[in-house]
């Protein structure tokens, strides 16, 4: 099971959990499993159209942006760490 680490305000939707482990083959399945585990409020932040990562989160697999690896279809293994960071904006 890959380890998932949550940063920022996302822990409001995980009951305070900063880490989780879920069964998944790829990034998309990981995000869907997290949505099932923690509910729609987190799911709406994590998942965008077609199960891709949402617009306002960045997902990193072993410190590499998944957008540069293969997106939601990037495979994950039991030794991987997925880091989910809410996008920051402001002026």
N, C-alpha and C. Protein backbone atom coordinates (compact mmCIF):
# COMPACT_ATOMS: atom_id res chain seq x y z
N UNK A 1 0.85 -1.18 0.00
CA UNK A 1 0.00 0.00 0.00
C UNK A 1 0.88 1.24 0.00
N UNK A 2 0.68 2.14 -0.95
CA UNK A 2 1.46 3.37 -0.92
C UNK A 2 1.07 4.23 0.28
N UNK A 3 2.03 4.98 0.78
CA UNK A 3 1.76 5.92 1.87
C UNK A 3 1.35 7.24 1.23
N UNK A 4 0.33 7.87 1.79
CA UNK A 4 -0.14 9.17 1.32
C UNK A 4 0.04 10.17 2.45
N UNK A 5 0.63 11.32 2.13
CA UNK A 5 0.86 12.38 3.11
C UNK A 5 0.04 13.60 2.69
N UNK A 6 -0.75 14.13 3.62
CA UNK A 6 -1.58 15.31 3.37
C UNK A 6 -0.93 16.55 3.98
N UNK A 7 -0.99 17.65 3.25
CA UNK A 7 -0.47 18.92 3.76
C UNK A 7 -1.59 19.96 3.81
N UNK A 8 -1.36 20.98 4.62
CA UNK A 8 -2.26 22.14 4.67
C UNK A 8 -3.64 21.79 5.17
N UNK A 9 -4.61 22.52 4.63
CA UNK A 9 -5.99 22.41 5.10
C UNK A 9 -6.66 21.08 4.74
N UNK A 10 -6.01 20.24 3.95
CA UNK A 10 -6.63 18.97 3.58
C UNK A 10 -6.89 18.08 4.79
N UNK A 11 -6.13 18.29 5.86
CA UNK A 11 -6.34 17.47 7.06
C UNK A 11 -7.68 17.76 7.74
N UNK A 12 -8.31 18.87 7.38
CA UNK A 12 -9.66 19.14 7.90
C UNK A 12 -10.64 18.07 7.43
N UNK A 13 -10.36 17.49 6.26
CA UNK A 13 -11.27 16.53 5.66
C UNK A 13 -10.88 15.09 5.97
N UNK A 14 -9.76 14.90 6.68
CA UNK A 14 -9.29 13.55 7.01
C UNK A 14 -9.42 13.24 8.49
N UNK A 15 -10.13 14.08 9.21
CA UNK A 15 -10.25 13.89 10.65
C UNK A 15 -8.93 14.14 11.37
N UNK A 16 -8.07 14.95 10.74
CA UNK A 16 -6.79 15.27 11.34
C UNK A 16 -5.65 14.35 10.91
N UNK A 17 -5.97 13.30 10.19
CA UNK A 17 -4.92 12.39 9.71
C UNK A 17 -3.99 13.12 8.75
N UNK A 18 -2.71 13.00 8.98
CA UNK A 18 -1.71 13.58 8.07
C UNK A 18 -1.15 12.52 7.12
N UNK A 19 -1.38 11.25 7.46
CA UNK A 19 -0.92 10.15 6.63
C UNK A 19 -2.01 9.10 6.51
N UNK A 20 -1.99 8.39 5.39
CA UNK A 20 -2.93 7.30 5.17
C UNK A 20 -2.25 6.26 4.29
N UNK A 21 -2.79 5.05 4.32
CA UNK A 21 -2.34 3.97 3.44
C UNK A 21 -3.59 3.41 2.78
N UNK A 22 -3.55 3.26 1.45
CA UNK A 22 -4.69 2.72 0.72
C UNK A 22 -4.19 1.75 -0.34
N UNK A 23 -5.04 0.80 -0.68
CA UNK A 23 -4.75 -0.14 -1.76
C UNK A 23 -5.00 0.57 -3.08
N UNK A 24 -3.99 0.57 -3.96
CA UNK A 24 -4.17 1.23 -5.26
C UNK A 24 -3.07 0.79 -6.22
N UNK A 25 -3.41 0.82 -7.52
CA UNK A 25 -2.44 0.49 -8.57
C UNK A 25 -1.81 1.73 -9.18
N UNK A 26 -2.58 2.83 -9.18
CA UNK A 26 -2.09 4.05 -9.81
C UNK A 26 -2.60 5.27 -9.04
N UNK A 27 -2.18 6.44 -9.50
CA UNK A 27 -2.55 7.68 -8.80
C UNK A 27 -4.06 7.86 -8.77
N UNK A 28 -4.73 7.62 -9.89
CA UNK A 28 -6.18 7.80 -9.96
C UNK A 28 -6.88 6.91 -8.92
N UNK A 29 -6.50 5.65 -8.86
CA UNK A 29 -7.11 4.73 -7.91
C UNK A 29 -6.80 5.14 -6.47
N UNK A 30 -5.62 5.68 -6.24
CA UNK A 30 -5.27 6.17 -4.91
C UNK A 30 -6.20 7.29 -4.49
N UNK A 31 -6.41 8.26 -5.38
CA UNK A 31 -7.29 9.39 -5.06
C UNK A 31 -8.73 8.93 -4.86
N UNK A 32 -9.18 7.97 -5.67
CA UNK A 32 -10.53 7.45 -5.51
C UNK A 32 -10.68 6.70 -4.19
N UNK A 33 -9.66 5.95 -3.80
CA UNK A 33 -9.70 5.23 -2.52
C UNK A 33 -9.73 6.19 -1.35
N UNK A 34 -8.96 7.27 -1.45
CA UNK A 34 -8.97 8.29 -0.39
C UNK A 34 -10.33 8.95 -0.28
N UNK A 35 -10.96 9.20 -1.43
CA UNK A 35 -12.30 9.78 -1.45
C UNK A 35 -13.30 8.84 -0.77
N UNK A 36 -13.19 7.56 -1.04
CA UNK A 36 -14.08 6.58 -0.41
C UNK A 36 -13.83 6.50 1.09
N UNK A 37 -12.57 6.54 1.47
CA UNK A 37 -12.20 6.41 2.88
C UNK A 37 -12.62 7.62 3.71
N UNK A 38 -12.42 8.83 3.17
CA UNK A 38 -12.64 10.05 3.95
C UNK A 38 -13.89 10.84 3.56
N UNK A 39 -14.52 10.50 2.46
CA UNK A 39 -15.77 11.15 2.11
C UNK A 39 -15.68 12.14 0.97
N UNK A 40 -16.85 12.58 0.58
CA UNK A 40 -17.00 13.45 -0.59
C UNK A 40 -16.32 14.80 -0.44
N UNK A 41 -16.26 15.33 0.78
CA UNK A 41 -15.62 16.64 0.94
C UNK A 41 -14.16 16.58 0.52
N UNK A 42 -13.45 15.54 0.94
CA UNK A 42 -12.07 15.40 0.50
C UNK A 42 -12.02 15.01 -0.97
N UNK A 43 -12.90 14.12 -1.37
CA UNK A 43 -12.94 13.67 -2.77
C UNK A 43 -13.12 14.81 -3.74
N UNK A 44 -13.94 15.79 -3.39
CA UNK A 44 -14.16 16.93 -4.29
C UNK A 44 -12.91 17.79 -4.42
N UNK A 45 -12.04 17.76 -3.43
CA UNK A 45 -10.78 18.50 -3.50
C UNK A 45 -9.73 17.73 -4.31
N UNK A 46 -9.73 16.40 -4.16
CA UNK A 46 -8.70 15.58 -4.78
C UNK A 46 -8.97 15.25 -6.24
N UNK A 47 -10.23 15.03 -6.57
CA UNK A 47 -10.56 14.52 -7.89
C UNK A 47 -11.21 15.57 -8.78
N UNK A 48 -10.67 15.69 -9.97
CA UNK A 48 -11.26 16.56 -10.97
C UNK A 48 -12.02 15.71 -11.97
N UNK A 49 -12.12 16.18 -13.18
CA UNK A 49 -12.81 15.46 -14.24
C UNK A 49 -12.08 14.17 -14.59
N UNK A 50 -12.85 13.14 -14.89
CA UNK A 50 -12.32 11.85 -15.32
C UNK A 50 -11.37 11.21 -14.32
N UNK A 51 -11.49 11.56 -13.04
CA UNK A 51 -10.64 10.95 -12.03
C UNK A 51 -9.23 11.48 -11.98
N UNK A 52 -8.97 12.55 -12.71
CA UNK A 52 -7.65 13.18 -12.66
C UNK A 52 -7.53 14.02 -11.40
N UNK A 53 -6.28 14.31 -10.97
CA UNK A 53 -6.14 15.18 -9.79
C UNK A 53 -6.86 16.49 -9.98
N UNK A 54 -7.47 16.99 -8.91
CA UNK A 54 -8.23 18.23 -8.96
C UNK A 54 -7.36 19.43 -9.33
N UNK A 55 -8.02 20.47 -9.75
CA UNK A 55 -7.34 21.68 -10.22
C UNK A 55 -6.56 22.39 -9.11
N UNK A 56 -7.02 22.24 -7.88
CA UNK A 56 -6.42 23.01 -6.79
C UNK A 56 -5.59 22.16 -5.82
N UNK A 57 -5.09 21.02 -6.31
CA UNK A 57 -4.14 20.22 -5.54
C UNK A 57 -2.98 19.84 -6.45
N UNK A 58 -1.84 19.63 -5.84
CA UNK A 58 -0.68 19.12 -6.56
C UNK A 58 -0.34 17.79 -5.92
N UNK A 59 -0.08 16.80 -6.76
CA UNK A 59 0.22 15.46 -6.29
C UNK A 59 1.64 15.11 -6.71
N UNK A 60 2.42 14.65 -5.74
CA UNK A 60 3.81 14.29 -5.98
C UNK A 60 4.01 12.82 -5.62
N UNK A 61 4.69 12.11 -6.48
CA UNK A 61 5.04 10.72 -6.22
C UNK A 61 6.54 10.65 -6.00
N UNK A 62 6.93 10.32 -4.78
CA UNK A 62 8.35 10.28 -4.44
C UNK A 62 9.04 11.58 -4.83
N UNK A 63 8.40 12.69 -4.49
CA UNK A 63 8.91 14.06 -4.71
C UNK A 63 8.92 14.52 -6.16
N UNK A 64 8.26 13.79 -7.06
CA UNK A 64 8.16 14.22 -8.46
C UNK A 64 6.70 14.49 -8.80
N UNK A 65 6.43 15.62 -9.43
CA UNK A 65 5.08 16.00 -9.81
C UNK A 65 4.51 14.96 -10.77
N UNK A 66 3.36 14.39 -10.44
CA UNK A 66 2.79 13.33 -11.29
C UNK A 66 2.39 13.85 -12.67
N UNK A 67 2.20 15.15 -12.80
CA UNK A 67 1.89 15.70 -14.12
C UNK A 67 3.05 15.49 -15.09
N UNK A 68 4.25 15.36 -14.57
CA UNK A 68 5.43 15.15 -15.40
C UNK A 68 5.77 13.67 -15.57
N UNK A 69 5.07 12.82 -14.84
CA UNK A 69 5.35 11.38 -14.89
C UNK A 69 4.38 10.61 -15.77
N UNK A 70 3.14 10.92 -15.71
CA UNK A 70 2.12 10.17 -16.44
C UNK A 70 0.74 10.49 -15.94
N UNK A 71 0.67 11.54 -15.12
CA UNK A 71 -0.62 11.97 -14.61
C UNK A 71 -1.28 10.94 -13.73
N UNK A 72 -2.59 10.86 -13.82
CA UNK A 72 -3.37 9.96 -12.97
C UNK A 72 -3.10 8.49 -13.26
N UNK A 73 -2.52 8.20 -14.42
CA UNK A 73 -2.23 6.82 -14.79
C UNK A 73 -0.87 6.35 -14.27
N UNK A 74 -0.15 7.21 -13.58
CA UNK A 74 1.15 6.84 -13.03
C UNK A 74 0.98 5.71 -12.02
N UNK A 75 1.73 4.63 -12.21
CA UNK A 75 1.64 3.48 -11.32
C UNK A 75 2.28 3.78 -9.97
N UNK A 76 1.72 3.18 -8.92
CA UNK A 76 2.27 3.31 -7.57
C UNK A 76 2.55 1.92 -7.03
N UNK A 77 3.53 1.85 -6.14
CA UNK A 77 3.85 0.57 -5.51
C UNK A 77 3.76 0.71 -3.98
N UNK A 78 3.94 -0.38 -3.31
CA UNK A 78 3.81 -0.39 -1.86
C UNK A 78 4.89 0.43 -1.17
N UNK A 79 5.99 0.69 -1.83
CA UNK A 79 7.08 1.45 -1.22
C UNK A 79 7.03 2.94 -1.57
N UNK A 80 6.06 3.35 -2.37
CA UNK A 80 5.96 4.75 -2.80
C UNK A 80 5.30 5.63 -1.76
N UNK A 81 5.64 6.92 -1.84
CA UNK A 81 4.99 7.94 -1.02
C UNK A 81 4.35 8.96 -1.95
N UNK A 82 3.06 9.17 -1.76
CA UNK A 82 2.32 10.16 -2.52
C UNK A 82 2.08 11.36 -1.60
N UNK A 83 2.47 12.53 -2.04
CA UNK A 83 2.29 13.75 -1.25
C UNK A 83 1.23 14.60 -1.94
N UNK A 84 0.23 15.02 -1.18
CA UNK A 84 -0.85 15.84 -1.73
C UNK A 84 -0.80 17.20 -1.06
N UNK A 85 -0.63 18.22 -1.89
CA UNK A 85 -0.48 19.59 -1.39
C UNK A 85 -1.56 20.46 -2.02
N UNK A 86 -2.30 21.23 -1.20
CA UNK A 86 -3.27 22.15 -1.79
C UNK A 86 -2.52 23.26 -2.53
N UNK A 87 -3.06 23.67 -3.66
CA UNK A 87 -2.46 24.76 -4.42
C UNK A 87 -2.56 26.05 -3.63
N UNK A 88 -1.56 26.88 -3.74
CA UNK A 88 -1.54 28.16 -3.04
C UNK A 88 -1.74 29.27 -4.04
N UNK A 89 -2.49 30.27 -3.63
CA UNK A 89 -2.73 31.42 -4.50
C UNK A 89 -2.85 32.67 -3.63
N UNK A 90 -2.67 33.74 -4.22
CA UNK A 90 -2.82 34.98 -3.46
C UNK A 90 -2.00 36.09 -4.10
N UNK A 91 -2.01 37.19 -3.46
CA UNK A 91 -1.29 38.29 -4.06
C UNK A 91 -0.71 39.20 -3.02
